[in-house]
Amino acid sequence: MSGLNKNIVILISGSGSNMAAIVETARTQRWQARFGARIAAVVSNKAAAPGLAWAKEQGIATAALDHKGYDSREAFDAALKAEIDRHAPALVVLAGFMRILTPGFVQHYEGRLINIHPSLLPAFPGLKTHQRAIEMGCRFAGATVHRVTSELDHGEILEQAVVPVLPDDTAESLGARVLAQEHVIYPRAVERLLAVA
């Protein structure tokens, strides 16, 4: 990340609660004034994603590319890359973007692509993390912000939050507490990256 232009593009698939936490933090912590950073766009693979409507209300550019309209994962990723690159991003932030990205896409954004995962990586990559943590008898669960590599839920760990697993926890109750911590650590991780850029 160099120069004054530190555009951030956020990818979502649903409500975009982590995206909203980052947008709000960017505003309250004055990222534009302090780092020359702004949320340039929010992009989704689902046109009906509630997070897109929220971002639009904040005056942020939005775009929707339906992955079902493409013949292959590679074709979708090529279109997604073209849309993202219109904004010359210094950082591409995956915030509940429910697509496995192709190696070529990941390589294109190497060092600029980050994700949040609802477990204490390297434990429980993939899906159903809270249920798996409960079934394994874990005393603690949490969330991890990490750099994205071509290996799923792998890459340098940037930030983590630990949440106790309570005796009567369900996947939903544990997930809600983990999500609250995600909203704290994801903006913090992004801000740290902007500060050292």
N, C-alpha and C. Protein backbone atom coordinates (compact mmCIF):
# COMPACT_ATOMS: atom_id res chain seq x y z
N MET A 1 0.84 -1.18 0.00
CA MET A 1 0.00 0.00 0.00
C MET A 1 0.88 1.23 0.00
N SER A 2 0.74 2.04 -1.02
CA SER A 2 1.57 3.23 -1.06
C SER A 2 0.76 4.38 -1.64
N GLY A 3 1.31 5.57 -1.48
CA GLY A 3 0.64 6.74 -2.02
C GLY A 3 -0.53 7.17 -1.16
N LEU A 4 -1.26 8.16 -1.65
CA LEU A 4 -2.36 8.72 -0.88
C LEU A 4 -3.66 7.95 -1.10
N ASN A 5 -3.71 7.16 -2.17
CA ASN A 5 -4.94 6.48 -2.53
C ASN A 5 -4.98 5.10 -1.88
N LYS A 6 -5.69 5.00 -0.76
CA LYS A 6 -5.83 3.70 -0.10
C LYS A 6 -7.29 3.30 -0.15
N ASN A 7 -7.72 2.90 -1.31
CA ASN A 7 -9.11 2.47 -1.48
C ASN A 7 -9.30 1.07 -0.92
N ILE A 8 -10.42 0.89 -0.24
CA ILE A 8 -10.78 -0.40 0.32
C ILE A 8 -12.04 -0.87 -0.38
N VAL A 9 -12.01 -2.10 -0.92
CA VAL A 9 -13.19 -2.72 -1.51
C VAL A 9 -13.59 -3.88 -0.61
N ILE A 10 -14.86 -3.92 -0.22
CA ILE A 10 -15.35 -4.96 0.68
C ILE A 10 -16.31 -5.87 -0.08
N LEU A 11 -16.10 -7.18 0.05
CA LEU A 11 -16.95 -8.17 -0.61
C LEU A 11 -17.86 -8.83 0.43
N ILE A 12 -19.16 -8.89 0.12
CA ILE A 12 -20.13 -9.48 1.04
C ILE A 12 -21.06 -10.42 0.27
N SER A 13 -21.76 -11.28 1.02
CA SER A 13 -22.80 -12.12 0.43
C SER A 13 -24.15 -11.95 1.11
N GLY A 14 -24.17 -11.32 2.30
CA GLY A 14 -25.41 -11.26 3.08
C GLY A 14 -25.64 -9.92 3.73
N SER A 15 -25.86 -9.95 5.06
CA SER A 15 -26.22 -8.73 5.78
C SER A 15 -25.07 -7.73 5.87
N GLY A 16 -23.85 -8.23 5.79
CA GLY A 16 -22.71 -7.33 5.79
C GLY A 16 -22.44 -6.68 7.13
N SER A 17 -22.69 -7.39 8.22
CA SER A 17 -22.49 -6.76 9.54
C SER A 17 -21.02 -6.41 9.79
N ASN A 18 -20.09 -7.25 9.32
CA ASN A 18 -18.67 -6.91 9.47
C ASN A 18 -18.31 -5.73 8.57
N MET A 19 -18.88 -5.69 7.37
CA MET A 19 -18.67 -4.54 6.48
C MET A 19 -19.14 -3.27 7.16
N ALA A 20 -20.34 -3.31 7.77
CA ALA A 20 -20.88 -2.13 8.45
C ALA A 20 -19.98 -1.69 9.60
N ALA A 21 -19.45 -2.66 10.34
CA ALA A 21 -18.54 -2.33 11.45
C ALA A 21 -17.29 -1.62 10.93
N ILE A 22 -16.79 -2.07 9.78
CA ILE A 22 -15.60 -1.44 9.19
C ILE A 22 -15.93 -0.04 8.70
N VAL A 23 -17.07 0.12 8.02
CA VAL A 23 -17.49 1.44 7.53
C VAL A 23 -17.65 2.43 8.68
N GLU A 24 -18.31 1.98 9.75
CA GLU A 24 -18.52 2.86 10.91
C GLU A 24 -17.20 3.25 11.56
N THR A 25 -16.29 2.28 11.67
CA THR A 25 -14.99 2.56 12.28
C THR A 25 -14.19 3.52 11.40
N ALA A 26 -14.26 3.32 10.08
CA ALA A 26 -13.55 4.23 9.17
C ALA A 26 -14.01 5.66 9.38
N ARG A 27 -15.30 5.81 9.64
CA ARG A 27 -15.87 7.15 9.85
C ARG A 27 -15.45 7.71 11.20
N THR A 28 -15.67 6.93 12.26
CA THR A 28 -15.40 7.47 13.60
C THR A 28 -13.91 7.64 13.87
N GLN A 29 -13.08 6.78 13.28
CA GLN A 29 -11.63 6.87 13.49
C GLN A 29 -10.93 7.70 12.40
N ARG A 30 -11.73 8.32 11.53
CA ARG A 30 -11.23 9.27 10.54
C ARG A 30 -10.10 8.68 9.68
N TRP A 31 -10.36 7.52 9.09
CA TRP A 31 -9.34 6.86 8.26
C TRP A 31 -8.95 7.71 7.06
N GLN A 32 -9.92 8.47 6.50
CA GLN A 32 -9.61 9.31 5.34
C GLN A 32 -8.56 10.36 5.71
N ALA A 33 -8.77 11.04 6.82
CA ALA A 33 -7.84 12.09 7.25
C ALA A 33 -6.52 11.51 7.74
N ARG A 34 -6.58 10.40 8.45
CA ARG A 34 -5.37 9.83 9.07
C ARG A 34 -4.52 9.02 8.10
N PHE A 35 -5.18 8.26 7.21
CA PHE A 35 -4.44 7.33 6.35
C PHE A 35 -4.67 7.56 4.85
N GLY A 36 -5.55 8.50 4.51
CA GLY A 36 -5.93 8.65 3.10
C GLY A 36 -6.72 7.46 2.60
N ALA A 37 -7.43 6.81 3.52
CA ALA A 37 -8.14 5.57 3.18
C ALA A 37 -9.65 5.80 3.17
N ARG A 38 -10.32 5.15 2.23
CA ARG A 38 -11.78 5.24 2.19
C ARG A 38 -12.36 3.91 1.70
N ILE A 39 -13.59 3.66 2.11
CA ILE A 39 -14.30 2.49 1.60
C ILE A 39 -14.81 2.89 0.21
N ALA A 40 -14.17 2.38 -0.83
CA ALA A 40 -14.47 2.81 -2.19
C ALA A 40 -15.68 2.10 -2.76
N ALA A 41 -15.89 0.85 -2.37
CA ALA A 41 -17.01 0.09 -2.93
C ALA A 41 -17.32 -1.13 -2.08
N VAL A 42 -18.57 -1.57 -2.17
CA VAL A 42 -19.01 -2.84 -1.59
C VAL A 42 -19.59 -3.66 -2.74
N VAL A 43 -19.09 -4.87 -2.90
CA VAL A 43 -19.48 -5.74 -4.01
C VAL A 43 -20.03 -7.05 -3.44
N SER A 44 -21.11 -7.55 -4.05
CA SER A 44 -21.71 -8.80 -3.59
C SER A 44 -21.97 -9.73 -4.77
N ASN A 45 -21.99 -11.02 -4.47
CA ASN A 45 -22.40 -12.01 -5.47
C ASN A 45 -23.91 -12.26 -5.41
N LYS A 46 -24.61 -11.47 -4.58
CA LYS A 46 -26.07 -11.59 -4.47
C LYS A 46 -26.68 -10.20 -4.50
N ALA A 47 -27.48 -9.94 -5.54
CA ALA A 47 -28.09 -8.61 -5.71
C ALA A 47 -29.00 -8.24 -4.54
N ALA A 48 -29.60 -9.26 -3.90
CA ALA A 48 -30.54 -8.99 -2.80
C ALA A 48 -29.86 -8.94 -1.43
N ALA A 49 -28.54 -8.98 -1.39
CA ALA A 49 -27.83 -8.94 -0.10
C ALA A 49 -28.20 -7.66 0.65
N PRO A 50 -28.75 -7.79 1.87
CA PRO A 50 -29.15 -6.59 2.63
C PRO A 50 -28.00 -5.60 2.84
N GLY A 51 -26.79 -6.11 2.92
CA GLY A 51 -25.63 -5.24 3.12
C GLY A 51 -25.42 -4.25 1.97
N LEU A 52 -25.81 -4.64 0.77
CA LEU A 52 -25.68 -3.73 -0.38
C LEU A 52 -26.57 -2.51 -0.21
N ALA A 53 -27.79 -2.73 0.21
CA ALA A 53 -28.73 -1.61 0.42
C ALA A 53 -28.19 -0.68 1.50
N TRP A 54 -27.66 -1.25 2.57
CA TRP A 54 -27.12 -0.44 3.67
C TRP A 54 -25.94 0.40 3.16
N ALA A 55 -25.04 -0.22 2.40
CA ALA A 55 -23.87 0.50 1.88
C ALA A 55 -24.30 1.64 0.96
N LYS A 56 -25.30 1.37 0.13
CA LYS A 56 -25.82 2.39 -0.79
C LYS A 56 -26.35 3.59 0.01
N GLU A 57 -27.04 3.30 1.10
CA GLU A 57 -27.57 4.37 1.97
C GLU A 57 -26.45 5.22 2.57
N GLN A 58 -25.28 4.63 2.72
CA GLN A 58 -24.12 5.36 3.27
C GLN A 58 -23.39 6.15 2.18
N GLY A 59 -23.88 6.05 0.95
CA GLY A 59 -23.23 6.78 -0.15
C GLY A 59 -22.02 6.06 -0.73
N ILE A 60 -21.93 4.76 -0.46
CA ILE A 60 -20.80 3.97 -0.97
C ILE A 60 -21.21 3.33 -2.29
N ALA A 61 -20.30 3.31 -3.25
CA ALA A 61 -20.57 2.65 -4.53
C ALA A 61 -20.80 1.16 -4.29
N THR A 62 -21.79 0.59 -4.98
CA THR A 62 -22.07 -0.84 -4.82
C THR A 62 -22.18 -1.50 -6.18
N ALA A 63 -21.97 -2.81 -6.18
CA ALA A 63 -22.14 -3.60 -7.40
C ALA A 63 -22.53 -5.01 -7.00
N ALA A 64 -23.33 -5.65 -7.85
CA ALA A 64 -23.72 -7.05 -7.62
C ALA A 64 -23.40 -7.84 -8.88
N LEU A 65 -22.68 -8.94 -8.70
CA LEU A 65 -22.39 -9.87 -9.79
C LEU A 65 -22.88 -11.23 -9.36
N ASP A 66 -23.91 -11.73 -10.00
CA ASP A 66 -24.50 -13.02 -9.64
C ASP A 66 -23.62 -14.14 -10.21
N HIS A 67 -23.01 -14.90 -9.30
CA HIS A 67 -22.10 -15.97 -9.74
C HIS A 67 -22.82 -17.03 -10.58
N LYS A 68 -24.14 -17.12 -10.42
CA LYS A 68 -24.89 -18.12 -11.19
C LYS A 68 -24.97 -17.76 -12.68
N GLY A 69 -24.65 -16.53 -12.99
CA GLY A 69 -24.71 -16.09 -14.38
C GLY A 69 -23.43 -16.35 -15.17
N TYR A 70 -22.49 -17.06 -14.55
CA TYR A 70 -21.21 -17.33 -15.20
C TYR A 70 -21.01 -18.83 -15.39
N ASP A 71 -20.33 -19.18 -16.47
CA ASP A 71 -20.16 -20.60 -16.83
C ASP A 71 -19.21 -21.35 -15.91
N SER A 72 -18.28 -20.60 -15.29
CA SER A 72 -17.27 -21.26 -14.45
C SER A 72 -16.85 -20.33 -13.32
N ARG A 73 -16.21 -20.92 -12.35
CA ARG A 73 -15.66 -20.15 -11.23
C ARG A 73 -14.65 -19.12 -11.75
N GLU A 74 -13.86 -19.55 -12.73
CA GLU A 74 -12.83 -18.66 -13.31
C GLU A 74 -13.47 -17.46 -14.00
N ALA A 75 -14.56 -17.71 -14.73
CA ALA A 75 -15.25 -16.61 -15.43
C ALA A 75 -15.84 -15.60 -14.44
N PHE A 76 -16.44 -16.13 -13.36
CA PHE A 76 -16.98 -15.23 -12.33
C PHE A 76 -15.86 -14.42 -11.69
N ASP A 77 -14.77 -15.10 -11.33
CA ASP A 77 -13.67 -14.39 -10.66
C ASP A 77 -13.05 -13.34 -11.58
N ALA A 78 -13.01 -13.59 -12.88
CA ALA A 78 -12.48 -12.61 -13.82
C ALA A 78 -13.36 -11.36 -13.85
N ALA A 79 -14.68 -11.56 -13.84
CA ALA A 79 -15.61 -10.43 -13.82
C ALA A 79 -15.52 -9.68 -12.48
N LEU A 80 -15.41 -10.44 -11.40
CA LEU A 80 -15.29 -9.84 -10.07
C LEU A 80 -14.01 -9.01 -9.98
N LYS A 81 -12.93 -9.56 -10.50
CA LYS A 81 -11.64 -8.86 -10.49
C LYS A 81 -11.73 -7.54 -11.26
N ALA A 82 -12.39 -7.58 -12.41
CA ALA A 82 -12.55 -6.36 -13.23
C ALA A 82 -13.34 -5.30 -12.46
N GLU A 83 -14.39 -5.73 -11.77
CA GLU A 83 -15.20 -4.79 -10.99
C GLU A 83 -14.40 -4.19 -9.84
N ILE A 84 -13.66 -5.04 -9.13
CA ILE A 84 -12.85 -4.56 -8.00
C ILE A 84 -11.77 -3.60 -8.48
N ASP A 85 -11.10 -3.96 -9.57
CA ASP A 85 -9.96 -3.18 -10.05
C ASP A 85 -10.35 -1.80 -10.56
N ARG A 86 -11.63 -1.59 -10.87
CA ARG A 86 -12.10 -0.24 -11.23
C ARG A 86 -11.83 0.75 -10.11
N HIS A 87 -11.72 0.23 -8.88
CA HIS A 87 -11.54 1.09 -7.71
C HIS A 87 -10.09 1.13 -7.22
N ALA A 88 -9.18 0.54 -7.98
CA ALA A 88 -7.74 0.55 -7.63
C ALA A 88 -7.52 0.29 -6.14
N PRO A 89 -7.91 -0.90 -5.66
CA PRO A 89 -7.89 -1.14 -4.22
C PRO A 89 -6.50 -1.35 -3.63
N ALA A 90 -6.29 -0.73 -2.49
CA ALA A 90 -5.10 -1.04 -1.69
C ALA A 90 -5.37 -2.27 -0.83
N LEU A 91 -6.65 -2.48 -0.50
CA LEU A 91 -7.07 -3.64 0.31
C LEU A 91 -8.39 -4.18 -0.22
N VAL A 92 -8.48 -5.50 -0.30
CA VAL A 92 -9.75 -6.16 -0.62
C VAL A 92 -10.12 -6.99 0.61
N VAL A 93 -11.29 -6.67 1.17
CA VAL A 93 -11.69 -7.22 2.46
C VAL A 93 -12.88 -8.15 2.26
N LEU A 94 -12.70 -9.43 2.58
CA LEU A 94 -13.79 -10.41 2.50
C LEU A 94 -14.56 -10.38 3.82
N ALA A 95 -15.83 -9.99 3.73
CA ALA A 95 -16.63 -9.85 4.95
C ALA A 95 -17.91 -10.67 4.78
N GLY A 96 -17.78 -11.97 5.00
CA GLY A 96 -18.92 -12.86 4.79
C GLY A 96 -19.19 -13.08 3.32
N PHE A 97 -18.12 -13.13 2.52
CA PHE A 97 -18.26 -13.40 1.09
C PHE A 97 -18.16 -14.91 0.92
N MET A 98 -19.29 -15.54 0.61
CA MET A 98 -19.38 -17.00 0.66
C MET A 98 -19.05 -17.66 -0.68
N ARG A 99 -17.85 -17.37 -1.15
CA ARG A 99 -17.36 -17.98 -2.38
C ARG A 99 -15.91 -18.41 -2.15
N ILE A 100 -15.57 -19.61 -2.63
CA ILE A 100 -14.16 -20.01 -2.63
C ILE A 100 -13.55 -19.40 -3.88
N LEU A 101 -12.48 -18.65 -3.70
CA LEU A 101 -11.87 -17.90 -4.80
C LEU A 101 -10.79 -18.72 -5.51
N THR A 102 -10.65 -18.50 -6.80
CA THR A 102 -9.68 -19.26 -7.59
C THR A 102 -8.25 -18.79 -7.26
N PRO A 103 -7.26 -19.68 -7.43
CA PRO A 103 -5.87 -19.31 -7.15
C PRO A 103 -5.43 -18.05 -7.92
N GLY A 104 -5.89 -17.92 -9.17
CA GLY A 104 -5.51 -16.75 -9.95
C GLY A 104 -6.01 -15.45 -9.35
N PHE A 105 -7.23 -15.48 -8.83
CA PHE A 105 -7.81 -14.31 -8.18
C PHE A 105 -7.00 -13.96 -6.92
N VAL A 106 -6.75 -14.98 -6.11
CA VAL A 106 -5.99 -14.77 -4.87
C VAL A 106 -4.60 -14.21 -5.18
N GLN A 107 -3.97 -14.75 -6.18
CA GLN A 107 -2.62 -14.31 -6.56
C GLN A 107 -2.63 -12.85 -7.02
N HIS A 108 -3.66 -12.46 -7.76
CA HIS A 108 -3.77 -11.09 -8.26
C HIS A 108 -3.76 -10.08 -7.12
N TYR A 109 -4.37 -10.45 -5.98
CA TYR A 109 -4.46 -9.54 -4.83
C TYR A 109 -3.51 -9.93 -3.70
N GLU A 110 -2.49 -10.66 -4.03
CA GLU A 110 -1.56 -11.14 -3.00
C GLU A 110 -1.06 -10.00 -2.12
N GLY A 111 -1.18 -10.20 -0.80
CA GLY A 111 -0.75 -9.18 0.15
C GLY A 111 -1.80 -8.11 0.40
N ARG A 112 -2.87 -8.09 -0.42
CA ARG A 112 -3.92 -7.06 -0.27
C ARG A 112 -5.27 -7.66 0.09
N LEU A 113 -5.34 -8.99 0.21
CA LEU A 113 -6.61 -9.69 0.38
C LEU A 113 -6.69 -10.28 1.79
N ILE A 114 -7.72 -9.88 2.55
CA ILE A 114 -7.86 -10.40 3.91
C ILE A 114 -9.28 -10.93 4.13
N ASN A 115 -9.40 -11.79 5.14
CA ASN A 115 -10.67 -12.46 5.43
C ASN A 115 -10.83 -12.58 6.94
N ILE A 116 -12.08 -12.76 7.36
CA ILE A 116 -12.33 -13.11 8.77
C ILE A 116 -13.01 -14.46 8.79
N HIS A 117 -12.59 -15.29 9.74
CA HIS A 117 -13.12 -16.65 9.85
C HIS A 117 -13.59 -16.88 11.28
N PRO A 118 -14.78 -17.48 11.48
CA PRO A 118 -15.33 -17.62 12.83
C PRO A 118 -14.80 -18.82 13.61
N SER A 119 -13.48 -18.91 13.69
CA SER A 119 -12.85 -19.89 14.59
C SER A 119 -11.46 -19.39 14.91
N LEU A 120 -10.83 -20.05 15.85
CA LEU A 120 -9.43 -19.73 16.18
C LEU A 120 -8.54 -20.58 15.27
N LEU A 121 -8.32 -20.06 14.07
CA LEU A 121 -7.47 -20.79 13.13
C LEU A 121 -6.10 -21.04 13.75
N PRO A 122 -5.46 -22.18 13.45
CA PRO A 122 -5.80 -23.13 12.39
C PRO A 122 -6.90 -24.14 12.73
N ALA A 123 -7.55 -24.03 13.89
CA ALA A 123 -8.65 -24.95 14.22
C ALA A 123 -9.89 -24.62 13.40
N PHE A 124 -10.56 -25.63 12.95
CA PHE A 124 -11.88 -25.54 12.29
C PHE A 124 -11.93 -24.62 11.07
N PRO A 125 -11.11 -24.88 10.08
CA PRO A 125 -11.33 -24.17 8.80
C PRO A 125 -12.63 -24.67 8.18
N GLY A 126 -13.15 -23.92 7.22
CA GLY A 126 -14.38 -24.35 6.54
C GLY A 126 -15.64 -23.91 7.28
N LEU A 127 -16.70 -24.71 7.14
CA LEU A 127 -18.02 -24.32 7.62
C LEU A 127 -18.39 -24.97 8.96
N LYS A 128 -19.50 -24.52 9.53
CA LYS A 128 -20.07 -25.07 10.78
C LYS A 128 -19.07 -25.04 11.92
N THR A 129 -18.33 -23.96 12.02
CA THR A 129 -17.25 -23.87 13.00
C THR A 129 -17.76 -23.94 14.44
N HIS A 130 -18.87 -23.25 14.73
CA HIS A 130 -19.35 -23.20 16.12
C HIS A 130 -19.86 -24.57 16.58
N GLN A 131 -20.59 -25.25 15.70
CA GLN A 131 -21.09 -26.58 16.02
C GLN A 131 -19.93 -27.55 16.24
N ARG A 132 -18.93 -27.44 15.40
CA ARG A 132 -17.77 -28.33 15.52
C ARG A 132 -17.01 -28.07 16.82
N ALA A 133 -16.88 -26.79 17.20
CA ALA A 133 -16.18 -26.46 18.45
C ALA A 133 -16.92 -27.03 19.66
N ILE A 134 -18.25 -26.93 19.64
CA ILE A 134 -19.06 -27.47 20.74
C ILE A 134 -18.93 -28.99 20.79
N GLU A 135 -19.06 -29.63 19.63
CA GLU A 135 -18.98 -31.09 19.58
C GLU A 135 -17.63 -31.62 20.02
N MET A 136 -16.57 -30.87 19.78
CA MET A 136 -15.22 -31.30 20.17
C MET A 136 -14.93 -31.01 21.65
N GLY A 137 -15.87 -30.34 22.33
CA GLY A 137 -15.67 -30.04 23.74
C GLY A 137 -14.72 -28.89 23.99
N CYS A 138 -14.57 -28.01 23.03
CA CYS A 138 -13.66 -26.86 23.20
C CYS A 138 -14.15 -25.97 24.34
N ARG A 139 -13.21 -25.48 25.12
CA ARG A 139 -13.54 -24.52 26.18
C ARG A 139 -13.59 -23.10 25.63
N PHE A 140 -12.89 -22.90 24.50
CA PHE A 140 -12.83 -21.58 23.89
C PHE A 140 -13.05 -21.68 22.40
N ALA A 141 -13.68 -20.66 21.86
CA ALA A 141 -13.82 -20.51 20.41
C ALA A 141 -13.40 -19.08 20.10
N GLY A 142 -13.69 -18.62 18.90
CA GLY A 142 -13.32 -17.25 18.59
C GLY A 142 -13.34 -16.97 17.11
N ALA A 143 -12.60 -15.93 16.74
CA ALA A 143 -12.54 -15.50 15.34
C ALA A 143 -11.12 -15.10 14.99
N THR A 144 -10.81 -15.18 13.70
CA THR A 144 -9.47 -14.90 13.21
C THR A 144 -9.53 -14.04 11.96
N VAL A 145 -8.77 -12.96 11.95
CA VAL A 145 -8.55 -12.19 10.71
C VAL A 145 -7.23 -12.67 10.14
N HIS A 146 -7.23 -13.01 8.86
CA HIS A 146 -6.00 -13.55 8.26
C HIS A 146 -5.85 -13.10 6.82
N ARG A 147 -4.62 -13.14 6.35
CA ARG A 147 -4.38 -12.90 4.93
C ARG A 147 -4.88 -14.11 4.16
N VAL A 148 -5.36 -13.88 2.96
CA VAL A 148 -5.91 -14.97 2.15
C VAL A 148 -4.82 -15.54 1.27
N THR A 149 -4.72 -16.88 1.28
CA THR A 149 -3.85 -17.60 0.36
C THR A 149 -4.73 -18.55 -0.44
N SER A 150 -4.13 -19.26 -1.37
CA SER A 150 -4.94 -20.19 -2.18
C SER A 150 -5.40 -21.40 -1.37
N GLU A 151 -4.86 -21.57 -0.17
CA GLU A 151 -5.32 -22.65 0.71
C GLU A 151 -6.43 -22.11 1.60
N LEU A 152 -7.56 -22.80 1.69
CA LEU A 152 -8.75 -22.32 2.40
C LEU A 152 -8.45 -22.04 3.87
N ASP A 153 -8.85 -20.84 4.31
CA ASP A 153 -8.72 -20.44 5.72
C ASP A 153 -7.31 -20.66 6.24
N HIS A 154 -6.37 -20.24 5.45
CA HIS A 154 -4.96 -20.37 5.77
C HIS A 154 -4.35 -18.98 5.58
N GLY A 155 -3.13 -18.80 5.92
CA GLY A 155 -2.49 -17.50 5.71
C GLY A 155 -2.17 -16.83 7.02
N GLU A 156 -1.32 -15.83 6.95
CA GLU A 156 -0.82 -15.12 8.14
C GLU A 156 -1.98 -14.61 8.99
N ILE A 157 -1.91 -14.91 10.29
CA ILE A 157 -2.93 -14.45 11.23
C ILE A 157 -2.62 -13.01 11.62
N LEU A 158 -3.62 -12.13 11.46
CA LEU A 158 -3.44 -10.71 11.74
C LEU A 158 -4.05 -10.31 13.08
N GLU A 159 -5.13 -10.97 13.48
CA GLU A 159 -5.85 -10.61 14.70
C GLU A 159 -6.71 -11.80 15.11
N GLN A 160 -6.87 -11.99 16.42
CA GLN A 160 -7.77 -13.04 16.91
C GLN A 160 -8.51 -12.54 18.14
N ALA A 161 -9.70 -13.09 18.34
CA ALA A 161 -10.47 -12.84 19.56
C ALA A 161 -10.91 -14.18 20.11
N VAL A 162 -10.85 -14.30 21.43
CA VAL A 162 -11.20 -15.55 22.10
C VAL A 162 -12.52 -15.37 22.84
N VAL A 163 -13.40 -16.35 22.70
CA VAL A 163 -14.71 -16.33 23.34
C VAL A 163 -14.88 -17.65 24.09
N PRO A 164 -15.28 -17.62 25.37
CA PRO A 164 -15.49 -18.88 26.07
C PRO A 164 -16.70 -19.62 25.52
N VAL A 165 -16.60 -20.95 25.51
CA VAL A 165 -17.74 -21.78 25.15
C VAL A 165 -18.46 -22.13 26.46
N LEU A 166 -19.71 -21.73 26.57
CA LEU A 166 -20.46 -21.94 27.81
C LEU A 166 -21.15 -23.30 27.78
N PRO A 167 -21.41 -23.88 28.97
CA PRO A 167 -21.97 -25.24 29.02
C PRO A 167 -23.27 -25.41 28.24
N ASP A 168 -24.11 -24.35 28.21
CA ASP A 168 -25.40 -24.48 27.54
C ASP A 168 -25.41 -23.86 26.14
N ASP A 169 -24.23 -23.61 25.59
CA ASP A 169 -24.15 -22.97 24.27
C ASP A 169 -24.74 -23.84 23.17
N THR A 170 -25.40 -23.17 22.24
CA THR A 170 -25.76 -23.77 20.96
C THR A 170 -24.86 -23.12 19.92
N ALA A 171 -24.87 -23.64 18.72
CA ALA A 171 -24.09 -23.03 17.64
C ALA A 171 -24.53 -21.58 17.44
N GLU A 172 -25.84 -21.31 17.61
CA GLU A 172 -26.37 -19.97 17.41
C GLU A 172 -25.91 -19.01 18.50
N SER A 173 -25.99 -19.44 19.76
CA SER A 173 -25.61 -18.54 20.86
C SER A 173 -24.10 -18.27 20.85
N LEU A 174 -23.33 -19.30 20.58
CA LEU A 174 -21.88 -19.12 20.49
C LEU A 174 -21.55 -18.22 19.30
N GLY A 175 -22.21 -18.48 18.18
CA GLY A 175 -21.97 -17.69 16.98
C GLY A 175 -22.26 -16.22 17.17
N ALA A 176 -23.31 -15.91 17.93
CA ALA A 176 -23.67 -14.50 18.17
C ALA A 176 -22.58 -13.80 18.98
N ARG A 177 -22.01 -14.49 19.98
CA ARG A 177 -20.95 -13.88 20.79
C ARG A 177 -19.66 -13.73 19.98
N VAL A 178 -19.38 -14.72 19.14
CA VAL A 178 -18.19 -14.62 18.28
C VAL A 178 -18.36 -13.46 17.31
N LEU A 179 -19.55 -13.32 16.72
CA LEU A 179 -19.79 -12.24 15.75
C LEU A 179 -19.58 -10.86 16.39
N ALA A 180 -20.00 -10.71 17.65
CA ALA A 180 -19.79 -9.43 18.34
C ALA A 180 -18.30 -9.10 18.41
N GLN A 181 -17.47 -10.11 18.61
CA GLN A 181 -16.02 -9.89 18.66
C GLN A 181 -15.45 -9.65 17.26
N GLU A 182 -16.03 -10.29 16.25
CA GLU A 182 -15.59 -10.03 14.88
C GLU A 182 -15.70 -8.55 14.55
N HIS A 183 -16.80 -7.94 15.02
CA HIS A 183 -17.04 -6.52 14.74
C HIS A 183 -16.00 -5.63 15.42
N VAL A 184 -15.32 -6.15 16.41
CA VAL A 184 -14.24 -5.41 17.08
C VAL A 184 -12.90 -5.63 16.37
N ILE A 185 -12.59 -6.89 16.10
CA ILE A 185 -11.23 -7.18 15.62
C ILE A 185 -11.03 -6.92 14.13
N TYR A 186 -12.10 -7.01 13.32
CA TYR A 186 -11.90 -6.82 11.88
C TYR A 186 -11.53 -5.37 11.56
N PRO A 187 -12.29 -4.37 12.07
CA PRO A 187 -11.87 -2.99 11.83
C PRO A 187 -10.47 -2.71 12.39
N ARG A 188 -10.15 -3.30 13.53
CA ARG A 188 -8.83 -3.08 14.14
C ARG A 188 -7.72 -3.61 13.24
N ALA A 189 -7.94 -4.79 12.67
CA ALA A 189 -6.93 -5.38 11.79
C ALA A 189 -6.74 -4.52 10.54
N VAL A 190 -7.85 -4.03 9.97
CA VAL A 190 -7.75 -3.18 8.78
C VAL A 190 -7.00 -1.90 9.13
N GLU A 191 -7.33 -1.30 10.26
CA GLU A 191 -6.67 -0.05 10.67
C GLU A 191 -5.17 -0.26 10.85
N ARG A 192 -4.78 -1.39 11.43
CA ARG A 192 -3.34 -1.67 11.60
C ARG A 192 -2.63 -1.77 10.26
N LEU A 193 -3.27 -2.40 9.30
CA LEU A 193 -2.66 -2.51 7.97
C LEU A 193 -2.53 -1.14 7.32
N LEU A 194 -3.53 -0.29 7.50
CA LEU A 194 -3.46 1.06 6.94
C LEU A 194 -2.36 1.88 7.62
N ALA A 195 -2.19 1.67 8.90
CA ALA A 195 -1.21 2.46 9.67
C ALA A 195 0.23 2.16 9.28
N VAL A 196 0.49 0.92 8.85
CA VAL A 196 1.88 0.56 8.50
C VAL A 196 2.14 0.69 7.01
N ALA A 197 1.10 1.03 6.26
CA ALA A 197 1.26 1.10 4.80
C ALA A 197 2.03 2.35 4.37
